[in-house]
């Protein structure tokens, strides 16, 4: 199976209905990530077929659980190599995505990727989440294996507009992390995600941070 076939099969299995042009841009991002990874160590996953499942499909699997709006402001906290922010921005060109990372090296890759892929709906922010003050608040703050839930809420809640939500992508069900959340952070839902080609557990935790 080719990388393109694996992506098409995975997109179909997730029921996303992404058109060919979007899938082609996702593959172009994967190629760029692999190229930069040879010298910048952006990800430990190096096999292109494995990257389809563990990076692209893993990121795209959250789409059905995000707000279904034509316009949405999203920030990817601790974006690293652009996951999940770049796949989400490619799949939803009407959304505005900010990719936030404190590493200058990773931010350089993100800027190059946004430029080469012509992602007009993406901006790159080099900063620590807790010290970043956006000009306009976000509807969604999302993270992928960034930190425990309480830490994520602590550093990212101030980035959200009223009613905005935190989306944490996790592996196994984070029972202990949920139990350790402060009273003002409410878990709205926990979804178990099924990622084509990945046997390991994946969960998406949706949280609302209420004023203390």
N, C-alpha and C. Protein backbone atom coordinates (compact mmCIF):
# COMPACT_ATOMS: atom_id res chain seq x y z
N UNK A 1 0.84 -1.20 0.00
CA UNK A 1 0.00 0.00 0.00
C UNK A 1 0.87 1.25 0.00
N UNK A 2 0.57 2.19 -0.87
CA UNK A 2 1.32 3.44 -0.91
C UNK A 2 0.86 4.37 0.21
N UNK A 3 1.65 5.42 0.43
CA UNK A 3 1.29 6.41 1.44
C UNK A 3 -0.04 7.07 1.08
N UNK A 4 -0.23 7.40 -0.20
CA UNK A 4 -1.47 8.02 -0.64
C UNK A 4 -2.67 7.10 -0.43
N UNK A 5 -2.49 5.82 -0.73
CA UNK A 5 -3.57 4.85 -0.53
C UNK A 5 -3.90 4.69 0.95
N UNK A 6 -2.87 4.68 1.79
CA UNK A 6 -3.10 4.56 3.23
C UNK A 6 -3.87 5.76 3.77
N UNK A 7 -3.52 6.95 3.29
CA UNK A 7 -4.24 8.14 3.73
C UNK A 7 -5.69 8.11 3.26
N UNK A 8 -5.89 7.77 1.99
CA UNK A 8 -7.26 7.73 1.45
C UNK A 8 -8.12 6.72 2.19
N UNK A 9 -7.55 5.55 2.48
CA UNK A 9 -8.29 4.53 3.21
C UNK A 9 -8.61 4.98 4.63
N UNK A 10 -7.66 5.63 5.27
CA UNK A 10 -7.87 6.11 6.63
C UNK A 10 -8.90 7.22 6.70
N UNK A 11 -8.85 8.15 5.76
CA UNK A 11 -9.83 9.24 5.70
C UNK A 11 -11.23 8.67 5.50
N UNK A 12 -11.34 7.66 4.62
CA UNK A 12 -12.64 7.02 4.38
C UNK A 12 -13.14 6.32 5.64
N UNK A 13 -12.24 5.62 6.33
CA UNK A 13 -12.62 4.90 7.55
C UNK A 13 -13.09 5.86 8.64
N UNK A 14 -12.51 7.06 8.69
CA UNK A 14 -12.91 8.05 9.67
C UNK A 14 -14.17 8.81 9.25
N UNK A 15 -14.60 8.60 8.01
CA UNK A 15 -15.81 9.24 7.51
C UNK A 15 -15.67 10.74 7.32
N UNK A 16 -14.46 11.19 6.93
CA UNK A 16 -14.21 12.63 6.86
C UNK A 16 -14.55 13.24 5.51
N UNK A 17 -14.50 12.46 4.45
CA UNK A 17 -14.87 12.97 3.15
C UNK A 17 -13.99 14.11 2.65
N UNK A 18 -12.70 14.05 2.89
CA UNK A 18 -11.78 15.10 2.45
C UNK A 18 -11.48 14.93 0.96
N UNK A 19 -11.60 16.00 0.21
CA UNK A 19 -11.39 15.92 -1.23
C UNK A 19 -9.93 15.67 -1.57
N UNK A 20 -9.69 15.26 -2.81
CA UNK A 20 -8.36 14.85 -3.24
C UNK A 20 -7.32 15.95 -3.06
N UNK A 21 -7.71 17.19 -3.34
CA UNK A 21 -6.75 18.30 -3.22
C UNK A 21 -6.29 18.47 -1.78
N UNK A 22 -7.18 18.28 -0.83
CA UNK A 22 -6.81 18.37 0.59
C UNK A 22 -5.89 17.22 0.97
N UNK A 23 -6.21 16.01 0.50
CA UNK A 23 -5.35 14.87 0.80
C UNK A 23 -3.96 15.05 0.19
N UNK A 24 -3.88 15.65 -0.98
CA UNK A 24 -2.59 15.90 -1.61
C UNK A 24 -1.77 16.88 -0.78
N UNK A 25 -2.42 17.87 -0.22
CA UNK A 25 -1.71 18.84 0.63
C UNK A 25 -1.27 18.20 1.94
N UNK A 26 -2.06 17.30 2.48
CA UNK A 26 -1.66 16.57 3.68
C UNK A 26 -0.41 15.73 3.41
N UNK A 27 -0.37 15.10 2.24
CA UNK A 27 0.79 14.29 1.88
C UNK A 27 2.02 15.18 1.66
N UNK A 28 1.82 16.37 1.11
CA UNK A 28 2.93 17.30 0.92
C UNK A 28 3.51 17.72 2.27
N UNK A 29 2.62 17.94 3.24
CA UNK A 29 3.09 18.25 4.60
C UNK A 29 3.90 17.10 5.17
N UNK A 30 3.42 15.88 4.98
CA UNK A 30 4.12 14.71 5.51
C UNK A 30 5.51 14.59 4.89
N UNK A 31 5.62 14.86 3.59
CA UNK A 31 6.91 14.83 2.91
C UNK A 31 7.86 15.87 3.50
N UNK A 32 7.34 17.06 3.72
CA UNK A 32 8.15 18.13 4.29
C UNK A 32 8.59 17.80 5.71
N UNK A 33 7.69 17.22 6.49
CA UNK A 33 8.03 16.82 7.85
C UNK A 33 9.14 15.77 7.84
N UNK A 34 9.04 14.79 6.93
CA UNK A 34 10.07 13.78 6.82
C UNK A 34 11.41 14.35 6.41
N UNK A 35 11.38 15.32 5.51
CA UNK A 35 12.62 15.95 5.05
C UNK A 35 13.32 16.70 6.18
N UNK A 36 12.58 17.51 6.89
CA UNK A 36 13.17 18.26 8.00
C UNK A 36 13.56 17.36 9.16
N UNK A 37 12.87 16.25 9.30
CA UNK A 37 13.13 15.37 10.42
C UNK A 37 14.52 14.74 10.36
N UNK A 38 15.08 14.67 9.17
CA UNK A 38 16.41 14.06 9.02
C UNK A 38 17.48 14.85 9.76
N UNK A 39 17.28 16.15 9.89
CA UNK A 39 18.28 16.98 10.56
C UNK A 39 17.78 17.67 11.82
N UNK A 40 16.47 17.77 12.00
CA UNK A 40 15.94 18.53 13.13
C UNK A 40 15.21 17.67 14.17
N UNK A 41 15.08 16.38 13.94
CA UNK A 41 14.49 15.46 14.91
C UNK A 41 13.15 15.98 15.46
N UNK A 42 12.23 16.22 14.53
CA UNK A 42 10.91 16.73 14.91
C UNK A 42 9.98 15.64 15.42
N UNK A 43 10.22 14.41 14.99
CA UNK A 43 9.39 13.28 15.41
C UNK A 43 10.21 12.01 15.43
N UNK A 44 9.87 11.10 16.35
CA UNK A 44 10.59 9.82 16.42
C UNK A 44 10.07 8.83 15.38
N UNK A 45 8.91 9.12 14.78
CA UNK A 45 8.34 8.25 13.75
C UNK A 45 8.94 8.64 12.41
N UNK A 46 9.60 7.69 11.74
CA UNK A 46 10.31 8.02 10.50
C UNK A 46 9.79 7.27 9.28
N UNK A 47 9.10 6.18 9.48
CA UNK A 47 8.56 5.43 8.36
C UNK A 47 7.34 6.18 7.80
N UNK A 48 7.32 6.50 6.50
CA UNK A 48 6.22 7.28 5.93
C UNK A 48 4.85 6.65 6.15
N UNK A 49 4.73 5.34 6.00
CA UNK A 49 3.43 4.70 6.21
C UNK A 49 2.98 4.81 7.66
N UNK A 50 3.93 4.65 8.58
CA UNK A 50 3.60 4.79 10.00
C UNK A 50 3.20 6.23 10.32
N UNK A 51 3.82 7.19 9.63
CA UNK A 51 3.51 8.60 9.87
C UNK A 51 2.08 8.94 9.43
N UNK A 52 1.57 8.24 8.43
CA UNK A 52 0.19 8.47 8.00
C UNK A 52 -0.76 8.22 9.15
N UNK A 53 -0.63 7.08 9.81
CA UNK A 53 -1.52 6.75 10.91
C UNK A 53 -1.23 7.53 12.17
N UNK A 54 0.04 7.56 12.57
CA UNK A 54 0.39 8.13 13.87
C UNK A 54 0.41 9.65 13.88
N UNK A 55 0.50 10.26 12.70
CA UNK A 55 0.50 11.72 12.66
C UNK A 55 -0.75 12.28 11.96
N UNK A 56 -0.95 11.94 10.70
CA UNK A 56 -2.07 12.53 9.96
C UNK A 56 -3.42 12.06 10.49
N UNK A 57 -3.64 10.74 10.49
CA UNK A 57 -4.95 10.22 10.89
C UNK A 57 -5.21 10.45 12.37
N UNK A 58 -4.17 10.37 13.18
CA UNK A 58 -4.31 10.64 14.61
C UNK A 58 -4.80 12.07 14.84
N UNK A 59 -4.27 13.01 14.06
CA UNK A 59 -4.69 14.40 14.17
C UNK A 59 -6.09 14.61 13.63
N UNK A 60 -6.38 14.02 12.48
CA UNK A 60 -7.67 14.23 11.82
C UNK A 60 -8.82 13.56 12.56
N UNK A 61 -8.54 12.55 13.37
CA UNK A 61 -9.61 11.81 14.06
C UNK A 61 -10.38 12.68 15.04
N UNK A 62 -9.81 13.82 15.45
CA UNK A 62 -10.52 14.68 16.39
C UNK A 62 -11.55 15.57 15.70
N UNK A 63 -11.48 15.69 14.38
CA UNK A 63 -12.34 16.63 13.65
C UNK A 63 -13.84 16.49 13.97
N UNK A 64 -14.39 15.27 14.01
CA UNK A 64 -15.83 15.16 14.29
C UNK A 64 -16.23 15.67 15.67
N UNK A 65 -15.26 15.81 16.59
CA UNK A 65 -15.56 16.22 17.96
C UNK A 65 -15.30 17.71 18.20
N UNK A 66 -14.68 18.38 17.23
CA UNK A 66 -14.47 19.81 17.33
C UNK A 66 -15.75 20.55 16.93
N UNK A 67 -15.91 21.81 17.34
CA UNK A 67 -17.11 22.56 16.94
C UNK A 67 -17.29 22.56 15.43
N UNK A 68 -18.47 22.26 14.98
CA UNK A 68 -18.74 22.17 13.55
C UNK A 68 -19.18 23.54 13.03
N UNK A 69 -18.21 24.39 12.86
CA UNK A 69 -18.46 25.75 12.39
C UNK A 69 -17.65 26.03 11.13
N UNK A 70 -18.20 26.90 10.28
CA UNK A 70 -17.45 27.29 9.08
C UNK A 70 -16.24 28.12 9.45
N UNK A 71 -16.37 28.91 10.51
CA UNK A 71 -15.27 29.76 10.98
C UNK A 71 -14.95 29.39 12.42
N UNK A 72 -13.68 29.23 12.71
CA UNK A 72 -13.27 28.82 14.05
C UNK A 72 -11.85 29.31 14.28
N UNK A 73 -11.60 29.82 15.47
CA UNK A 73 -10.23 30.20 15.84
C UNK A 73 -9.67 29.13 16.78
N UNK A 74 -8.58 28.51 16.36
CA UNK A 74 -7.99 27.38 17.07
C UNK A 74 -6.52 27.65 17.34
N UNK A 75 -6.06 27.28 18.51
CA UNK A 75 -4.64 27.36 18.81
C UNK A 75 -4.12 25.98 19.22
N UNK A 76 -3.05 25.57 18.59
CA UNK A 76 -2.38 24.30 18.87
C UNK A 76 -1.25 24.61 19.85
N UNK A 77 -1.42 24.22 21.09
CA UNK A 77 -0.47 24.55 22.16
C UNK A 77 0.64 23.49 22.22
N UNK A 78 1.88 23.93 22.05
CA UNK A 78 2.99 22.99 21.98
C UNK A 78 2.97 22.24 20.67
N UNK A 79 2.88 22.98 19.58
CA UNK A 79 2.63 22.38 18.27
C UNK A 79 3.75 21.46 17.78
N UNK A 80 4.99 21.73 18.18
CA UNK A 80 6.10 20.87 17.78
C UNK A 80 6.29 20.87 16.27
N UNK A 81 6.05 19.71 15.66
CA UNK A 81 6.16 19.59 14.21
C UNK A 81 4.88 19.96 13.48
N UNK A 82 3.93 20.56 14.19
CA UNK A 82 2.69 21.00 13.55
C UNK A 82 1.51 20.07 13.75
N UNK A 83 1.58 19.25 14.79
CA UNK A 83 0.53 18.26 15.04
C UNK A 83 -0.20 18.56 16.34
N UNK A 84 -1.50 18.68 16.28
CA UNK A 84 -2.39 18.41 15.15
C UNK A 84 -2.73 19.62 14.28
N UNK A 85 -2.12 20.78 14.59
CA UNK A 85 -2.56 22.02 13.99
C UNK A 85 -2.53 22.09 12.47
N UNK A 86 -1.43 21.63 11.85
CA UNK A 86 -1.34 21.74 10.39
C UNK A 86 -2.34 20.82 9.69
N UNK A 87 -2.46 19.54 10.06
CA UNK A 87 -3.50 18.73 9.42
C UNK A 87 -4.91 19.31 9.58
N UNK A 88 -5.21 19.87 10.74
CA UNK A 88 -6.53 20.45 10.96
C UNK A 88 -6.72 21.70 10.09
N UNK A 89 -5.68 22.51 9.97
CA UNK A 89 -5.78 23.72 9.15
C UNK A 89 -5.93 23.37 7.67
N UNK A 90 -5.27 22.30 7.24
CA UNK A 90 -5.40 21.86 5.85
C UNK A 90 -6.82 21.34 5.60
N UNK A 91 -7.31 20.55 6.53
CA UNK A 91 -8.64 19.95 6.37
C UNK A 91 -9.77 20.97 6.47
N UNK A 92 -9.54 22.05 7.20
CA UNK A 92 -10.56 23.08 7.40
C UNK A 92 -9.98 24.45 7.03
N UNK A 93 -9.88 24.75 5.74
CA UNK A 93 -9.26 26.01 5.32
C UNK A 93 -10.01 27.26 5.76
N UNK A 94 -11.26 27.12 6.18
CA UNK A 94 -12.02 28.27 6.68
C UNK A 94 -11.68 28.62 8.12
N UNK A 95 -10.98 27.74 8.81
CA UNK A 95 -10.59 28.00 10.18
C UNK A 95 -9.29 28.80 10.22
N UNK A 96 -9.07 29.51 11.33
CA UNK A 96 -7.80 30.19 11.57
C UNK A 96 -7.06 29.41 12.66
N UNK A 97 -5.86 28.97 12.35
CA UNK A 97 -5.09 28.15 13.29
C UNK A 97 -3.80 28.85 13.67
N UNK A 98 -3.57 28.97 14.96
CA UNK A 98 -2.30 29.48 15.47
C UNK A 98 -1.51 28.29 16.02
N UNK A 99 -0.26 28.18 15.61
CA UNK A 99 0.61 27.10 16.07
C UNK A 99 1.61 27.69 17.03
N UNK A 100 1.50 27.33 18.29
CA UNK A 100 2.32 27.92 19.34
C UNK A 100 3.35 26.93 19.84
N UNK A 101 4.61 27.35 19.83
CA UNK A 101 5.68 26.53 20.39
C UNK A 101 6.79 27.45 20.88
N UNK A 102 7.42 27.06 21.97
CA UNK A 102 8.47 27.90 22.54
C UNK A 102 9.83 27.66 21.87
N UNK A 103 9.95 26.61 21.06
CA UNK A 103 11.21 26.27 20.42
C UNK A 103 11.39 27.04 19.11
N UNK A 104 12.47 27.78 18.99
CA UNK A 104 12.76 28.50 17.75
C UNK A 104 12.99 27.55 16.59
N UNK A 105 13.62 26.41 16.86
CA UNK A 105 13.89 25.43 15.80
C UNK A 105 12.60 24.87 15.24
N UNK A 106 11.68 24.52 16.11
CA UNK A 106 10.41 23.98 15.64
C UNK A 106 9.57 25.06 14.95
N UNK A 107 9.63 26.27 15.49
CA UNK A 107 8.90 27.36 14.86
C UNK A 107 9.41 27.64 13.46
N UNK A 108 10.72 27.48 13.26
CA UNK A 108 11.29 27.69 11.92
C UNK A 108 10.71 26.68 10.94
N UNK A 109 10.57 25.44 11.37
CA UNK A 109 9.95 24.44 10.50
C UNK A 109 8.50 24.79 10.22
N UNK A 110 7.78 25.19 11.24
CA UNK A 110 6.36 25.52 11.08
C UNK A 110 6.18 26.67 10.09
N UNK A 111 7.05 27.68 10.17
CA UNK A 111 6.97 28.80 9.22
C UNK A 111 7.26 28.34 7.80
N UNK A 112 8.26 27.48 7.66
CA UNK A 112 8.59 26.97 6.34
C UNK A 112 7.44 26.13 5.78
N UNK A 113 6.84 25.31 6.63
CA UNK A 113 5.72 24.47 6.18
C UNK A 113 4.53 25.32 5.76
N UNK A 114 4.21 26.33 6.57
CA UNK A 114 3.08 27.20 6.23
C UNK A 114 3.33 27.94 4.92
N UNK A 115 4.57 28.33 4.69
CA UNK A 115 4.91 29.04 3.45
C UNK A 115 4.86 28.11 2.24
N UNK A 116 5.52 26.95 2.35
CA UNK A 116 5.58 26.02 1.21
C UNK A 116 4.20 25.45 0.86
N UNK A 117 3.39 25.22 1.88
CA UNK A 117 2.06 24.65 1.64
C UNK A 117 1.01 25.73 1.38
N UNK A 118 1.44 26.99 1.44
CA UNK A 118 0.56 28.13 1.18
C UNK A 118 -0.68 28.10 2.10
N UNK A 119 -0.39 27.96 3.38
CA UNK A 119 -1.46 27.91 4.37
C UNK A 119 -1.74 29.32 4.88
N UNK A 120 -2.61 30.02 4.18
CA UNK A 120 -2.93 31.40 4.53
C UNK A 120 -3.68 31.49 5.85
N UNK A 121 -4.25 30.40 6.31
CA UNK A 121 -5.04 30.39 7.55
C UNK A 121 -4.22 29.99 8.77
N UNK A 122 -2.90 29.98 8.63
CA UNK A 122 -2.04 29.55 9.73
C UNK A 122 -1.09 30.69 10.12
N UNK A 123 -0.95 30.90 11.43
CA UNK A 123 0.08 31.81 11.94
C UNK A 123 0.94 31.05 12.95
N UNK A 124 2.21 31.44 13.03
CA UNK A 124 3.15 30.78 13.93
C UNK A 124 3.49 31.72 15.07
N UNK A 125 3.44 31.21 16.29
CA UNK A 125 3.76 32.00 17.48
C UNK A 125 4.87 31.29 18.25
N UNK A 126 5.99 31.97 18.44
CA UNK A 126 7.08 31.42 19.23
C UNK A 126 6.99 32.02 20.63
N UNK A 127 6.47 31.26 21.55
CA UNK A 127 6.26 31.75 22.92
C UNK A 127 5.87 30.59 23.81
N UNK A 128 5.95 30.84 25.10
CA UNK A 128 5.40 29.90 26.06
C UNK A 128 3.91 30.21 26.23
N UNK A 129 3.11 29.18 26.34
CA UNK A 129 1.66 29.39 26.39
C UNK A 129 1.26 30.31 27.54
N UNK A 130 1.87 30.12 28.70
CA UNK A 130 1.45 30.88 29.88
C UNK A 130 1.77 32.37 29.77
N UNK A 131 2.71 32.73 28.90
CA UNK A 131 3.07 34.14 28.76
C UNK A 131 2.53 34.78 27.48
N UNK A 132 1.81 34.02 26.68
CA UNK A 132 1.30 34.54 25.42
C UNK A 132 -0.04 35.23 25.62
N UNK A 133 -0.15 36.45 25.10
CA UNK A 133 -1.40 37.21 25.19
C UNK A 133 -1.87 37.51 23.77
N UNK A 134 -2.78 36.71 23.24
CA UNK A 134 -3.23 36.92 21.86
C UNK A 134 -4.07 38.18 21.72
N UNK A 135 -4.03 38.78 20.54
CA UNK A 135 -4.84 39.95 20.28
C UNK A 135 -6.32 39.60 20.27
N UNK A 136 -6.62 38.38 19.86
CA UNK A 136 -7.99 37.89 19.83
C UNK A 136 -8.03 36.49 20.43
N UNK A 137 -8.98 36.23 21.31
CA UNK A 137 -9.05 34.94 21.99
C UNK A 137 -9.52 33.85 21.04
N UNK A 138 -9.36 32.60 21.47
CA UNK A 138 -9.62 31.44 20.63
C UNK A 138 -10.88 30.69 21.08
N UNK A 139 -11.50 30.02 20.13
CA UNK A 139 -12.64 29.15 20.43
C UNK A 139 -12.18 27.81 20.98
N UNK A 140 -11.02 27.36 20.51
CA UNK A 140 -10.50 26.04 20.87
C UNK A 140 -9.00 26.14 21.13
N UNK A 141 -8.56 25.52 22.22
CA UNK A 141 -7.14 25.29 22.45
C UNK A 141 -6.94 23.78 22.49
N UNK A 142 -6.03 23.28 21.68
CA UNK A 142 -5.84 21.84 21.58
C UNK A 142 -4.38 21.49 21.82
N UNK A 143 -4.15 20.33 22.41
CA UNK A 143 -2.77 19.87 22.62
C UNK A 143 -2.71 18.37 22.36
N UNK A 144 -1.56 17.94 21.92
CA UNK A 144 -1.33 16.52 21.63
C UNK A 144 -0.14 16.05 22.45
N UNK A 145 -0.42 15.29 23.50
CA UNK A 145 0.63 14.74 24.36
C UNK A 145 1.54 15.82 24.91
N UNK A 146 0.96 16.97 25.25
CA UNK A 146 1.77 18.09 25.74
C UNK A 146 2.12 17.92 27.21
N UNK A 147 1.14 17.66 28.04
CA UNK A 147 1.34 17.64 29.48
C UNK A 147 0.14 16.96 30.11
N UNK A 148 0.12 16.92 31.44
CA UNK A 148 -1.08 16.39 32.09
C UNK A 148 -2.20 17.41 31.98
N UNK A 149 -3.42 16.97 32.22
CA UNK A 149 -4.59 17.80 31.98
C UNK A 149 -4.59 19.08 32.82
N UNK A 150 -4.21 18.97 34.08
CA UNK A 150 -4.22 20.14 34.95
C UNK A 150 -3.23 21.19 34.47
N UNK A 151 -2.06 20.75 34.05
CA UNK A 151 -1.04 21.68 33.54
C UNK A 151 -1.52 22.34 32.25
N UNK A 152 -2.10 21.56 31.36
CA UNK A 152 -2.62 22.10 30.10
C UNK A 152 -3.66 23.18 30.38
N UNK A 153 -4.59 22.88 31.26
CA UNK A 153 -5.63 23.85 31.60
C UNK A 153 -5.02 25.11 32.21
N UNK A 154 -4.02 24.94 33.06
CA UNK A 154 -3.41 26.07 33.75
C UNK A 154 -2.73 27.03 32.79
N UNK A 155 -2.08 26.49 31.75
CA UNK A 155 -1.31 27.36 30.85
C UNK A 155 -2.11 27.85 29.64
N UNK A 156 -3.25 27.21 29.38
CA UNK A 156 -3.96 27.53 28.14
C UNK A 156 -5.34 28.15 28.32
N UNK A 157 -5.93 28.07 29.49
CA UNK A 157 -7.30 28.54 29.67
C UNK A 157 -7.44 30.03 29.37
N UNK A 158 -6.40 30.82 29.66
CA UNK A 158 -6.49 32.26 29.44
C UNK A 158 -6.50 32.63 27.96
N UNK A 159 -6.20 31.68 27.09
CA UNK A 159 -6.18 31.93 25.65
C UNK A 159 -7.58 31.88 25.04
N UNK A 160 -8.55 31.38 25.80
CA UNK A 160 -9.87 31.11 25.26
C UNK A 160 -10.85 32.26 25.42
N UNK A 161 -11.72 32.39 24.43
CA UNK A 161 -12.85 33.30 24.53
C UNK A 161 -13.88 32.70 25.48
N UNK A 162 -14.82 33.49 25.99
CA UNK A 162 -15.87 32.92 26.85
C UNK A 162 -16.59 31.77 26.14
N UNK A 163 -16.71 30.65 26.83
CA UNK A 163 -17.33 29.47 26.24
C UNK A 163 -16.37 28.61 25.44
N UNK A 164 -15.13 29.06 25.29
CA UNK A 164 -14.13 28.26 24.57
C UNK A 164 -13.76 27.01 25.34
N UNK A 165 -13.27 26.02 24.62
CA UNK A 165 -13.00 24.72 25.25
C UNK A 165 -11.56 24.26 25.01
N UNK A 166 -11.09 23.44 25.94
CA UNK A 166 -9.78 22.81 25.87
C UNK A 166 -9.94 21.39 25.36
N UNK A 167 -9.14 21.01 24.38
CA UNK A 167 -9.17 19.66 23.82
C UNK A 167 -7.79 19.03 24.01
N UNK A 168 -7.74 17.99 24.83
CA UNK A 168 -6.47 17.32 25.11
C UNK A 168 -6.47 15.94 24.48
N UNK A 169 -5.51 15.70 23.59
CA UNK A 169 -5.36 14.40 22.94
C UNK A 169 -4.45 13.53 23.80
N UNK A 170 -4.99 12.40 24.24
CA UNK A 170 -4.26 11.53 25.17
C UNK A 170 -4.20 10.10 24.62
N UNK A 171 -3.41 9.28 25.27
CA UNK A 171 -3.34 7.86 24.92
C UNK A 171 -4.42 7.09 25.66
N UNK A 172 -4.02 6.37 26.69
CA UNK A 172 -4.99 5.61 27.47
C UNK A 172 -5.87 6.56 28.28
N UNK A 173 -7.01 6.07 28.74
CA UNK A 173 -7.96 6.91 29.48
C UNK A 173 -7.27 7.52 30.70
N UNK A 174 -7.21 8.86 30.80
CA UNK A 174 -6.42 9.51 31.86
C UNK A 174 -7.19 9.66 33.17
N UNK A 175 -7.55 8.57 33.76
CA UNK A 175 -8.41 8.59 34.94
C UNK A 175 -7.79 9.41 36.09
N UNK A 176 -6.52 9.18 36.37
CA UNK A 176 -5.88 9.88 37.48
C UNK A 176 -5.75 11.37 37.20
N UNK A 177 -5.46 11.72 35.94
CA UNK A 177 -5.34 13.14 35.59
C UNK A 177 -6.68 13.85 35.73
N UNK A 178 -7.75 13.19 35.34
CA UNK A 178 -9.08 13.79 35.47
C UNK A 178 -9.41 14.00 36.95
N UNK A 179 -9.08 13.01 37.78
CA UNK A 179 -9.36 13.13 39.21
C UNK A 179 -8.57 14.26 39.85
N UNK A 180 -7.43 14.60 39.27
CA UNK A 180 -6.56 15.63 39.86
C UNK A 180 -6.88 17.04 39.37
N UNK A 181 -7.86 17.19 38.51
CA UNK A 181 -8.19 18.52 37.98
C UNK A 181 -8.77 19.42 39.07
N UNK A 182 -8.44 20.70 39.04
CA UNK A 182 -9.03 21.62 40.02
C UNK A 182 -10.52 21.79 39.77
N UNK A 183 -11.21 22.29 40.74
CA UNK A 183 -12.67 22.38 40.70
C UNK A 183 -13.17 23.23 39.53
N UNK A 184 -12.39 24.25 39.16
CA UNK A 184 -12.87 25.16 38.11
C UNK A 184 -12.71 24.59 36.70
N UNK A 185 -12.06 23.44 36.56
CA UNK A 185 -11.91 22.80 35.25
C UNK A 185 -12.88 21.61 35.17
N UNK A 186 -13.83 21.71 34.26
CA UNK A 186 -14.89 20.71 34.15
C UNK A 186 -14.66 19.87 32.89
N UNK A 187 -14.70 18.57 33.04
CA UNK A 187 -14.60 17.67 31.89
C UNK A 187 -15.99 17.58 31.24
N UNK A 188 -16.07 18.03 30.00
CA UNK A 188 -17.33 18.02 29.27
C UNK A 188 -17.60 16.65 28.67
N UNK A 189 -16.55 16.01 28.12
CA UNK A 189 -16.69 14.70 27.50
C UNK A 189 -15.32 14.07 27.32
N UNK A 190 -15.33 12.75 27.27
CA UNK A 190 -14.12 11.99 26.92
C UNK A 190 -14.51 11.02 25.81
N UNK A 191 -13.85 11.14 24.66
CA UNK A 191 -14.17 10.29 23.52
C UNK A 191 -13.00 9.33 23.26
N UNK A 192 -13.33 8.06 23.12
CA UNK A 192 -12.32 7.11 22.68
C UNK A 192 -12.24 7.17 21.16
N UNK A 193 -11.05 7.36 20.65
CA UNK A 193 -10.84 7.50 19.22
C UNK A 193 -10.31 6.20 18.63
N UNK A 194 -10.83 5.84 17.49
CA UNK A 194 -10.32 4.69 16.76
C UNK A 194 -9.55 5.20 15.55
N UNK A 195 -8.24 4.96 15.55
CA UNK A 195 -7.37 5.47 14.49
C UNK A 195 -7.01 4.32 13.55
N UNK A 196 -7.35 4.40 12.28
CA UNK A 196 -6.99 3.33 11.35
C UNK A 196 -5.49 3.05 11.37
N UNK A 197 -5.15 1.79 11.54
CA UNK A 197 -3.74 1.38 11.53
C UNK A 197 -3.04 1.50 12.86
N UNK A 198 -3.73 1.96 13.90
CA UNK A 198 -3.12 2.12 15.22
C UNK A 198 -3.90 1.29 16.23
N UNK A 199 -3.21 0.39 16.90
CA UNK A 199 -3.87 -0.46 17.88
C UNK A 199 -3.89 0.17 19.27
N UNK A 200 -2.96 1.07 19.54
CA UNK A 200 -2.88 1.69 20.87
C UNK A 200 -4.12 2.55 21.13
N UNK A 201 -4.43 2.70 22.41
CA UNK A 201 -5.59 3.50 22.80
C UNK A 201 -5.36 4.98 22.52
N UNK A 202 -6.42 5.65 22.14
CA UNK A 202 -6.41 7.10 21.95
C UNK A 202 -7.69 7.67 22.54
N UNK A 203 -7.57 8.76 23.26
CA UNK A 203 -8.73 9.43 23.84
C UNK A 203 -8.63 10.93 23.62
N UNK A 204 -9.78 11.57 23.53
CA UNK A 204 -9.85 13.02 23.44
C UNK A 204 -10.65 13.52 24.64
N UNK A 205 -10.02 14.36 25.46
CA UNK A 205 -10.67 14.91 26.64
C UNK A 205 -11.04 16.36 26.36
N UNK A 206 -12.32 16.67 26.49
CA UNK A 206 -12.81 18.03 26.26
C UNK A 206 -13.12 18.67 27.60
N UNK A 207 -12.56 19.85 27.83
CA UNK A 207 -12.70 20.51 29.13
C UNK A 207 -13.16 21.95 28.97
N UNK A 208 -13.82 22.43 29.99
CA UNK A 208 -14.24 23.82 30.08
C UNK A 208 -13.65 24.39 31.36
N UNK A 209 -12.90 25.48 31.21
CA UNK A 209 -12.30 26.12 32.39
C UNK A 209 -13.19 27.26 32.82
N UNK A 210 -13.84 27.12 33.96
CA UNK A 210 -14.74 28.14 34.48
C UNK A 210 -13.98 29.14 35.35
N UNK A 211 -14.46 30.37 35.44
CA UNK A 211 -13.79 31.35 36.30
C UNK A 211 -13.73 30.84 37.74
N UNK A 212 -12.59 31.03 38.36
CA UNK A 212 -12.40 30.57 39.75
C UNK A 212 -13.26 31.38 40.71
